[in-house]
Protein backbone atom coordinates (compact mmCIF):
# COMPACT_ATOMS: atom_id res chain seq x y z
CA UNK A 1 150.93 70.89 154.04
CA UNK A 2 152.57 68.38 151.72
CA UNK A 3 154.79 69.96 149.06
CA UNK A 4 154.90 66.85 146.96
CA UNK A 5 154.07 67.57 142.89
CA UNK A 6 151.04 65.61 141.85
CA UNK A 7 152.68 63.84 138.75
CA UNK A 8 155.45 62.59 141.59
CA UNK A 9 152.94 60.10 142.77
CA UNK A 10 152.31 58.35 138.97
CA UNK A 11 149.86 55.93 139.64
CA UNK A 12 151.08 52.95 137.34
CA UNK A 13 154.14 50.99 138.65
CA UNK A 14 157.56 52.87 136.66
CA UNK A 15 158.25 49.24 135.15
CA UNK A 16 154.82 49.54 133.30
CA UNK A 17 155.91 49.17 129.61
CA UNK A 18 152.18 47.35 128.29
CA UNK A 19 151.51 49.76 125.79
CA UNK A 20 154.65 50.11 123.02
CA UNK A 21 156.92 51.01 126.10
CA UNK A 22 154.27 53.07 128.27
CA UNK A 23 151.51 52.44 130.99
CA UNK A 24 148.35 49.88 129.88
CA UNK A 25 146.24 52.51 130.46
CA UNK A 26 147.62 54.85 127.87
CA UNK A 27 145.47 52.62 125.36
CA UNK A 28 142.42 53.51 127.00
CA UNK A 29 142.65 57.02 126.80
CA UNK A 30 144.10 56.99 123.69
CA UNK A 31 140.83 55.25 122.54
CA UNK A 32 138.27 57.79 123.98
CA UNK A 33 140.13 60.55 122.13
CA UNK A 34 140.44 59.18 118.77
CA UNK A 35 136.43 58.56 118.84
CA UNK A 36 135.93 61.62 120.53
CA UNK A 37 138.20 63.78 117.56
CA UNK A 38 136.37 61.47 115.12
CA UNK A 39 133.94 63.07 115.71
CA UNK A 40 134.69 66.36 116.37
CA UNK A 41 136.67 66.58 113.67
CA UNK A 42 134.30 65.44 111.54
CA UNK A 43 131.56 67.71 112.70
CA UNK A 44 133.79 70.53 112.34
CA UNK A 45 135.03 69.10 108.46
CA UNK A 46 131.64 70.15 107.13
CA UNK A 47 130.68 73.24 109.80
CA UNK A 48 131.25 76.01 108.26
CA UNK A 49 130.26 74.64 104.54
CA UNK A 50 126.96 73.73 106.21
CA UNK A 51 126.48 77.50 107.74
CA UNK A 52 127.54 79.66 104.41
CA UNK A 53 126.66 76.96 101.42
CA UNK A 54 122.82 78.16 100.04
CA UNK A 55 119.77 76.60 100.74
CA UNK A 56 119.91 74.44 97.77
CA UNK A 57 123.37 73.18 98.39
CA UNK A 58 121.26 72.08 102.15
CA UNK A 59 123.49 75.18 103.66
CA UNK A 60 121.89 78.00 106.16
CA UNK A 61 123.12 80.59 103.53
CA UNK A 62 124.74 82.91 106.36
CA UNK A 63 126.87 84.88 104.99
CA UNK A 64 130.54 83.82 104.62
CA UNK A 65 132.68 85.97 106.21
CA UNK A 66 130.32 85.86 109.71
CA UNK A 67 130.33 82.32 109.23
CA UNK A 68 134.05 81.96 109.56
CA UNK A 69 134.01 84.33 112.75
CA UNK A 70 131.64 81.74 114.27
CA UNK A 71 133.41 78.99 113.43
CA UNK A 72 136.58 80.77 115.21
CA UNK A 73 134.13 82.04 118.05
CA UNK A 74 132.60 78.20 118.58
CA UNK A 75 136.28 76.35 118.45
CA UNK A 76 136.99 79.20 121.19
CA UNK A 77 133.97 77.92 122.89
CA UNK A 78 134.88 75.04 123.08
CA UNK A 79 138.41 75.67 124.61
CA UNK A 80 136.86 78.08 127.03
CA UNK A 81 134.15 75.50 128.66
CA UNK A 82 137.29 73.55 129.49
CA UNK A 83 137.64 75.71 132.85
CA UNK A 84 133.90 74.55 133.87
CA UNK A 85 135.21 70.81 133.30
CA UNK A 86 138.53 71.39 134.80
CA UNK A 87 136.90 73.08 137.42
CA UNK A 88 134.12 70.50 138.10
CA UNK A 89 137.30 67.63 138.13
CA UNK A 90 139.57 69.49 140.92
CA UNK A 91 137.00 70.55 143.02
CA UNK A 92 133.93 67.61 142.98
CA UNK A 93 133.96 64.70 140.67
CA UNK A 94 137.37 64.23 139.51
CA UNK A 95 138.72 64.26 136.41
CA UNK A 96 137.30 60.60 135.32
CA UNK A 97 133.71 61.10 136.48
CA UNK A 98 133.63 64.54 134.75
CA UNK A 99 135.34 62.90 131.15
CA UNK A 100 132.41 59.90 131.20
CA UNK A 101 129.58 62.99 131.69
CA UNK A 102 131.30 65.13 129.01
CA UNK A 103 131.50 62.28 126.02
CA UNK A 104 127.81 61.72 126.68
CA UNK A 105 127.13 65.34 126.10
CA UNK A 106 129.08 65.42 122.72
CA UNK A 107 127.23 62.53 121.54
CA UNK A 108 123.67 64.32 122.35
CA UNK A 109 125.40 67.27 120.62
CA UNK A 110 125.92 65.29 116.98
CA UNK A 111 122.70 63.94 117.44
CA UNK A 112 120.69 66.88 117.55
CA UNK A 113 123.16 68.64 114.68
CA UNK A 114 121.94 65.23 112.94
CA UNK A 115 118.46 65.12 113.61
CA UNK A 116 117.17 68.94 114.41
CA UNK A 117 116.96 71.13 111.08
CA UNK A 118 118.02 74.74 110.74
CA UNK A 119 119.54 77.30 113.57
CA UNK A 120 117.75 75.71 116.32
CA UNK A 121 119.62 72.27 115.47
CA UNK A 122 122.73 74.14 114.84
CA UNK A 123 122.59 75.85 118.11
CA UNK A 124 122.04 73.33 120.46
CA UNK A 125 124.38 71.10 119.00
CA UNK A 126 127.22 73.15 119.03
CA UNK A 127 126.36 74.11 122.55
CA UNK A 128 126.24 70.64 123.91
CA UNK A 129 128.75 69.73 121.55
CA UNK A 130 130.86 72.67 123.15
CA UNK A 131 130.57 72.16 126.64
CA UNK A 132 130.91 68.59 126.23
CA UNK A 133 134.60 68.66 124.58
CA UNK A 134 135.72 71.76 126.70
CA UNK A 135 135.04 69.21 129.60
CA UNK A 136 136.77 65.74 127.88
CA UNK A 137 139.93 67.96 126.62
CA UNK A 138 141.11 68.86 129.96
CA UNK A 139 140.28 65.92 131.98
CA UNK A 140 141.90 63.21 129.36
CA UNK A 141 144.83 65.17 129.25
CA UNK A 142 145.05 65.61 133.17
CA UNK A 143 144.14 61.75 133.34
CA UNK A 144 147.51 60.78 130.76
CA UNK A 145 149.68 63.26 133.17
CA UNK A 146 148.93 60.90 136.06
CA UNK A 147 150.56 57.93 134.47
CA UNK A 148 153.98 59.07 134.56
CA UNK A 149 156.21 60.57 137.17
CA UNK A 150 158.09 64.28 136.95
CA UNK A 151 161.45 62.76 136.30
CA UNK A 152 159.92 59.84 133.56
CA UNK A 153 161.73 60.66 130.29
CA UNK A 154 158.50 58.59 128.59
CA UNK A 155 156.58 61.49 129.25
CA UNK A 156 156.91 63.44 126.21
CA UNK A 157 157.13 60.28 123.97
CA UNK A 158 153.97 59.46 126.26
CA UNK A 159 151.74 62.83 124.78
CA UNK A 160 153.14 62.19 121.52
CA UNK A 161 151.35 58.82 121.07
CA UNK A 162 148.25 60.37 122.93
CA UNK A 163 148.34 62.88 120.06
CA UNK A 164 148.74 60.43 117.36
CA UNK A 165 145.44 58.70 118.86
CA UNK A 166 143.67 62.37 118.35
CA UNK A 167 145.03 62.67 115.40
CA UNK A 168 144.43 59.12 114.04
CA UNK A 169 140.22 60.07 114.91
CA UNK A 170 140.64 63.51 113.26
CA UNK A 171 141.60 61.69 110.00
CA UNK A 172 139.05 59.61 109.43
CA UNK A 173 136.35 62.18 110.66
CA UNK A 174 136.44 64.41 107.81
CA UNK A 175 136.72 61.50 105.26
CA UNK A 176 133.50 60.09 106.46
CA UNK A 177 131.75 63.08 107.14
CA UNK A 178 133.10 65.12 103.43
CA UNK A 179 132.19 61.99 101.51
CA UNK A 180 128.78 61.87 103.28
CA UNK A 181 127.81 65.16 103.07
CA UNK A 182 128.50 65.38 99.29
CA UNK A 183 126.89 62.26 98.54
CA UNK A 184 123.75 62.30 100.88
CA UNK A 185 123.21 65.85 102.42
CA UNK A 186 124.79 67.29 105.58
CA UNK A 187 122.48 65.79 108.72
CA UNK A 188 124.26 62.44 107.02
CA UNK A 189 127.39 63.50 107.81
CA UNK A 190 126.69 64.74 111.97
CA UNK A 191 125.01 61.64 112.01
CA UNK A 192 128.02 59.70 111.30
CA UNK A 193 129.80 61.68 113.95
CA UNK A 194 127.24 60.75 116.60
CA UNK A 195 127.86 57.14 115.82
CA UNK A 196 131.91 57.77 116.03
CA UNK A 197 131.03 59.40 119.16
CA UNK A 198 128.87 56.28 120.49
CA UNK A 199 131.40 53.98 119.47
CA UNK A 200 134.25 55.72 121.79
CA UNK A 201 131.78 56.15 124.78
CA UNK A 202 130.95 52.51 124.72
CA UNK A 203 134.42 51.37 124.16
CA UNK A 204 135.42 53.65 127.51
CA UNK A 205 132.96 52.39 129.45
CA UNK A 206 133.97 48.91 129.46
CA UNK A 207 137.45 49.92 130.52
CA UNK A 208 137.17 53.14 132.88
CA UNK A 209 137.40 50.91 135.87
CA UNK A 210 140.75 49.82 135.26
CA UNK A 211 141.78 53.33 135.42
CA UNK A 212 144.11 53.42 138.41
CA UNK A 213 142.91 55.19 141.73
CA UNK A 214 144.94 58.90 140.64
CA UNK A 215 141.98 59.02 137.97
CA UNK A 216 139.06 58.95 140.45
CA UNK A 217 140.69 61.48 143.05
CA UNK A 218 139.16 64.92 143.58
CA UNK A 219 142.76 66.84 144.00
CA UNK A 220 141.03 70.33 145.88
CA UNK A 221 137.76 69.20 147.31
CA UNK A 222 135.26 71.80 147.66
CA UNK A 223 133.95 72.09 151.29
CA UNK A 224 130.06 71.25 151.49
CA UNK A 225 129.63 75.00 153.27
CA UNK A 226 131.15 76.42 150.12
CA UNK A 227 128.70 74.83 147.32
CA UNK A 228 125.35 76.79 147.86
CA UNK A 229 128.13 80.03 147.35
CA UNK A 230 129.31 79.03 144.23
CA UNK A 231 125.98 77.42 142.92
CA UNK A 232 124.80 80.85 142.87
CA UNK A 233 127.96 82.29 141.13
CA UNK A 234 127.41 79.53 138.63
CA UNK A 235 123.56 80.95 138.04
CA UNK A 236 124.70 84.50 138.50
CA UNK A 237 126.92 84.13 135.36
CA UNK A 238 124.64 82.26 133.72
CA UNK A 239 121.83 84.86 133.82
CA UNK A 240 124.67 87.39 132.80
CA UNK A 241 125.09 85.57 129.87
CA UNK A 242 121.75 85.10 128.77
CA UNK A 243 120.96 88.69 129.52
CA UNK A 244 123.94 90.06 126.97
CA UNK A 245 122.06 87.49 124.46
CA UNK A 246 118.65 88.84 125.15
CA UNK A 247 119.60 91.97 124.85
CA UNK A 248 121.89 91.84 121.56
CA UNK A 249 124.82 93.37 123.54
CA UNK A 250 126.24 90.28 122.51
CA UNK A 251 125.31 89.15 118.79
CA UNK A 252 126.75 87.10 116.04
CA UNK A 253 128.69 89.71 114.67
CA UNK A 254 130.45 90.29 117.62
CA UNK A 255 130.49 86.83 119.11
CA UNK A 256 134.20 85.89 117.95
CA UNK A 257 135.49 89.29 120.01
CA UNK A 258 133.55 88.76 122.65
CA UNK A 259 134.90 85.08 122.97
CA UNK A 260 138.28 86.56 122.63
CA UNK A 261 137.93 88.95 125.18
CA UNK A 262 136.33 86.07 127.94
CA UNK A 263 139.34 84.17 127.24
CA UNK A 264 141.55 86.96 128.17
CA UNK A 265 139.48 87.70 131.30
CA UNK A 266 139.36 84.15 132.51
CA UNK A 267 142.99 83.42 131.77
CA UNK A 268 143.77 86.49 133.71
CA UNK A 269 141.31 85.56 137.03
CA UNK A 270 142.85 81.96 136.55
CA UNK A 271 146.48 83.39 136.78
CA UNK A 272 145.55 85.69 139.71
CA UNK A 273 143.94 82.74 141.76
CA UNK A 274 146.80 80.52 141.33
CA UNK A 275 149.04 83.44 142.20
CA UNK A 276 147.55 84.13 145.48
CA UNK A 277 146.34 80.72 146.89
CA UNK A 278 148.10 79.50 150.20
CA UNK A 279 148.19 76.10 148.59
CA UNK A 280 150.43 76.93 145.69
CA UNK A 281 154.23 76.79 147.61
CA UNK A 282 157.16 79.31 145.84
CA UNK A 283 158.40 76.37 143.63
CA UNK A 284 155.23 75.72 142.30
CA UNK A 285 154.89 79.72 141.89
CA UNK A 286 158.02 80.07 139.63
CA UNK A 287 156.67 77.49 137.61
CA UNK A 288 153.56 78.99 136.76
CA UNK A 289 155.48 82.25 135.95
CA UNK A 290 157.00 80.31 133.34
CA UNK A 291 153.94 79.20 131.94
CA UNK A 292 153.16 82.67 131.07
CA UNK A 293 155.30 83.69 127.71
CA UNK A 294 154.47 79.52 126.79
CA UNK A 295 151.27 80.64 127.21
CA UNK A 296 151.28 83.56 124.60
CA UNK A 297 153.12 81.69 122.32
CA UNK A 298 150.29 79.28 122.43
CA UNK A 299 147.85 81.55 121.99
CA UNK A 300 149.89 82.93 119.18
CA UNK A 301 150.72 79.45 117.07
CA UNK A 302 146.49 78.84 117.10
CA UNK A 303 145.85 81.83 115.55
CA UNK A 304 147.55 80.41 112.74
CA UNK A 305 147.17 76.71 113.02
CA UNK A 306 143.38 76.57 113.42
CA UNK A 307 143.27 78.84 110.23
CA UNK A 308 142.84 75.38 108.92
CA UNK A 309 138.98 75.60 109.69
CA UNK A 310 138.42 79.21 108.53
CA UNK A 311 140.72 81.06 106.06
CA UNK A 312 142.19 77.30 104.80
CA UNK A 313 138.58 75.42 104.60
CA UNK A 314 136.96 78.65 102.03
CA UNK A 315 140.53 78.66 100.29
CA UNK A 316 139.94 74.45 99.85
CA UNK A 317 136.70 75.53 98.54
CA UNK A 318 137.58 78.12 96.10
CA UNK A 319 140.72 78.39 95.18
CA UNK A 320 142.20 75.17 95.55
CA UNK A 321 142.57 73.05 92.47
CA UNK A 322 141.20 69.48 94.01
CA UNK A 323 140.95 67.37 90.94
CA UNK A 324 142.56 63.86 90.78
CA UNK A 325 143.08 62.56 88.01
CA UNK A 326 139.67 63.58 86.48
CA UNK A 327 137.58 62.86 90.31
CA UNK A 328 137.14 66.36 92.13
CA UNK A 329 137.96 65.46 95.90
CA UNK A 330 135.80 66.82 98.72
CA UNK A 331 136.70 70.35 99.84
CA UNK A 332 135.94 68.53 103.63
CA UNK A 333 139.54 65.91 102.73
CA UNK A 334 142.13 69.05 102.84
CA UNK A 335 140.89 68.73 107.06
CA UNK A 336 142.45 65.50 106.97
CA UNK A 337 145.99 66.10 105.38
CA UNK A 338 147.26 67.44 109.00
CA UNK A 339 146.29 64.21 110.68
CA UNK A 340 147.65 62.17 107.97
CA UNK A 341 151.48 63.68 108.37
CA UNK A 342 150.52 63.65 112.32
CA UNK A 343 150.15 59.94 112.14
CA UNK A 344 153.23 59.17 110.18
CA UNK A 345 155.51 61.57 112.42
CA UNK A 346 154.18 61.78 115.73
CA UNK A 347 156.02 58.27 116.66
CA UNK A 348 159.61 59.76 114.87
CA UNK A 349 159.07 62.94 116.93
CA UNK A 350 158.37 60.41 119.99
CA UNK A 351 161.01 58.12 119.05
CA UNK A 352 163.21 61.17 119.09
CA UNK A 353 162.75 62.72 122.27
CA UNK A 354 162.88 59.03 123.56
CA UNK A 355 166.44 58.88 122.56
CA UNK A 356 167.72 62.26 123.40
CA UNK A 357 166.31 61.89 126.50
CA UNK A 358 167.60 64.40 128.84
CA UNK A 359 170.12 66.28 125.59
CA UNK A 360 166.86 67.46 123.91
CA UNK A 361 165.10 71.03 123.84
CA UNK A 362 163.85 72.43 126.48
CA UNK A 363 159.95 73.26 126.27
CA UNK A 364 160.31 76.48 125.85
CA UNK A 365 162.76 76.14 123.06
CA UNK A 366 160.30 73.44 121.09
CA UNK A 367 157.76 75.88 121.78
CA UNK A 368 159.68 78.57 119.86
CA UNK A 369 160.61 76.39 116.87
CA UNK A 370 156.78 75.57 116.68
CA UNK A 371 156.03 78.97 116.65
CA UNK A 372 158.87 79.71 114.03
CA UNK A 373 157.54 76.84 111.22
CA UNK A 374 154.46 78.02 111.31
CA UNK A 375 155.22 81.62 110.36
CA UNK A 376 157.12 80.00 107.98
CA UNK A 377 154.06 77.79 106.62
CA UNK A 378 152.13 81.45 105.92
CA UNK A 379 155.32 82.95 103.89
CA UNK A 380 155.00 79.92 101.83
CA UNK A 381 151.10 81.23 100.67
CA UNK A 382 153.18 84.46 98.97
CA UNK A 383 154.57 81.94 95.94
CA UNK A 384 150.68 81.06 95.51
CA UNK A 385 149.27 84.48 95.25
CA UNK A 386 147.21 85.84 92.49
CA UNK A 387 144.49 84.29 89.90
CA UNK A 388 144.70 80.82 89.42
CA UNK A 389 144.07 77.62 91.34
CA UNK A 390 146.66 76.58 93.68
CA UNK A 391 148.11 72.90 93.11
CA UNK A 392 146.76 70.25 95.51
CA UNK A 393 150.34 69.48 96.22
CA UNK A 394 151.72 73.09 97.21
CA UNK A 395 148.98 73.22 99.73
CA UNK A 396 149.92 69.39 100.82
CA UNK A 397 153.30 70.68 101.49
CA UNK A 398 151.83 73.82 103.58
CA UNK A 399 149.84 71.52 105.51
CA UNK A 400 153.00 69.34 106.09
CA UNK A 401 154.66 72.53 107.44
CA UNK A 402 152.06 73.25 109.75
CA UNK A 403 152.17 69.46 111.32
CA UNK A 404 156.12 70.21 111.95
CA UNK A 405 155.11 72.84 113.97
CA UNK A 406 152.00 71.34 115.44
CA UNK A 407 154.87 68.73 116.69
CA UNK A 408 157.03 71.04 118.37
CA UNK A 409 154.24 72.92 120.11
CA UNK A 410 151.28 71.00 120.95
CA UNK A 411 151.96 67.84 122.67
CA UNK A 412 154.97 69.55 124.48
CA UNK A 413 152.23 72.05 125.55
CA UNK A 414 150.06 69.24 126.80
CA UNK A 415 153.17 67.69 128.77
CA UNK A 416 154.90 70.62 130.11
CA UNK A 417 151.71 71.97 131.54
CA UNK A 418 150.94 68.58 133.81
CA UNK A 419 154.17 69.22 134.87
CA UNK A 420 154.58 72.96 136.01
CA UNK A 421 151.11 72.57 137.41
CA UNK A 422 150.90 72.96 141.31
CA UNK A 423 149.32 69.85 142.91
CA UNK A 424 145.80 71.85 144.06
CA UNK A 425 145.33 73.34 140.85
CA UNK A 426 146.23 70.50 138.15
CA UNK A 427 143.84 70.30 135.85
CA UNK A 428 143.02 73.90 136.17
CA UNK A 429 146.34 74.14 134.60
CA UNK A 430 145.74 71.95 131.84
CA UNK A 431 142.41 74.14 131.31
CA UNK A 432 144.77 77.96 131.37
CA UNK A 433 146.56 76.08 128.22
CA UNK A 434 143.51 75.21 126.46
CA UNK A 435 142.59 78.61 127.53
CA UNK A 436 145.59 79.70 125.36
CA UNK A 437 143.83 77.49 122.32
CA UNK A 438 140.64 79.41 123.21
CA UNK A 439 142.01 82.71 122.52
CA UNK A 440 143.84 81.52 119.48
CA UNK A 441 141.38 79.91 117.95
CA UNK A 442 138.93 82.29 118.38
CA UNK A 443 141.58 85.11 116.58
CA UNK A 444 141.67 82.38 114.10
CA UNK A 445 138.50 83.56 113.19
CA UNK A 446 138.69 87.09 113.09
CA UNK A 447 141.83 86.69 111.15
CA UNK A 448 140.58 84.96 108.22
CA UNK A 449 138.03 87.80 107.66
CA UNK A 450 141.36 90.06 106.89
CA UNK A 451 142.55 88.05 104.27
CA UNK A 452 141.31 89.76 100.78
CA UNK A 453 142.03 86.91 97.86
CA UNK A 454 142.71 90.30 95.96
CA UNK A 455 145.54 91.76 97.76
CA UNK A 456 146.43 88.70 99.35
CA UNK A 457 150.37 89.39 100.41
CA UNK A 458 149.80 91.71 103.31
CA UNK A 459 147.56 89.03 105.05
CA UNK A 460 150.50 86.24 104.68
CA UNK A 461 153.43 88.56 105.62
CA UNK A 462 151.72 89.93 108.16
CA UNK A 463 150.66 86.94 109.83
CA UNK A 464 153.72 85.26 109.11
CA UNK A 465 156.02 87.81 109.58
CA UNK A 466 154.67 88.04 112.96
CA UNK A 467 154.69 84.60 114.59
CA UNK A 468 158.34 84.73 113.69
CA UNK A 469 158.97 87.62 115.09
CA UNK A 470 157.69 86.10 118.69
CA UNK A 471 159.44 83.11 117.90
CA UNK A 472 162.73 84.48 118.04
CA UNK A 473 161.74 86.28 121.08
CA UNK A 474 160.68 83.59 122.89
CA UNK A 475 164.08 81.48 122.11
CA UNK A 476 166.27 84.21 122.99
CA UNK A 477 164.31 83.97 126.69
CA UNK A 478 164.19 80.55 126.96
CA UNK A 479 167.18 80.48 129.18
CA UNK A 480 165.50 82.58 132.15
CA UNK A 481 162.24 80.65 131.44
CA UNK A 482 164.17 77.48 132.33
CA UNK A 483 165.56 78.59 135.43
CA UNK A 484 162.10 79.63 136.60
CA UNK A 485 160.92 75.97 135.78
CA UNK A 486 162.90 74.85 138.50
CA UNK A 487 164.26 71.85 136.98
CA UNK A 488 161.21 70.91 134.67
CA UNK A 489 162.34 70.34 131.25
């Protein structure tokens, strides 16, 4: 059995520098991800308000705390569904075909939200967008990983550029849908998200055949004689989920906690499958061990960061002074502040990592810095606690800390995951990283329910302080983690 790591066989030549010093096919993946993020964040920017606003405001009148928990559960479900997308890519279709099919599902989901009124449209739209986004996320990231060799010093910089494309879409999406929601209504905003995804799908369809052969490869093909067995397993899982919903064992009130348990269970199952596989070499197994503390740190980070769509969304609507020279800014536009900073600083960080080369901090230390700054961002809310409106510039400053933290952890997490992944579990290891995001995103919905506007300090101190303690522990463990990585930084 070959022990060559997947990323040691790049599909592009080392001299390919036609896209800002990076392989030209990074531009195609940059484009589809940008428009997918336009549609996703455009929809998510107004989703919570759609759920808890009154009928007179065009909303569904769901209780605010429950709505926040459901948004967190939905976000967790998106990342949880990366398991399915990754498995289909690794065992049946390859990453490129799964990505294309997922984009079609996303577009259909936004159309359902735009055209089908009430709860039925909400459920249909979120299920389609959730499953589609999960399939697209892991596979787009995995395809970027195939463009670089393991020792290519451009790798982290390339992921930072890719991440800048993500945030270009995340910036524009809420601006468009937030304005349409306030001027025309929620369904116009959802319609704009559908149009954005259609644009992304069309551009990608024109260039998909130009992707390298590695993009179409099925890393670990499922033997034909096992397909019936796995088909029955999937049907059994679907039947179990349907039964839990039909009996009320899983309902709107406990969906977020159920999603958190599902993410933890799926993660443990995946780690078990990888460790027990005979296709995983000894070096690869040590690298997976090194990935475990990064998984934990990632989950903790996203539990804070994803509160942009729960706690901070409500905070922006109710406590933030959004008056700008006599004009009140739509609350959804707050979701575009972080992407603005990403666009400004992602290129700077990419250039920094490229310039430092092998002198840059290791991945574990970068994770630690990101988590520490994320905790600091929540402590920065402390001077703003109490009655009265929060100045817009104060929240902008806090979201700058969010951004700096994100740049130290999120693109680095995507990059290091593809480097640590065993050959036979390449895309599925990316799904494991997204499972940490799933758990954190679900926790962001659960934790936001603990926020008490009449007694804010315990919330900010507890969450921010816990994150900073975890960051210090990870920094202390980083030398041991680096040894387990077997040469991967």
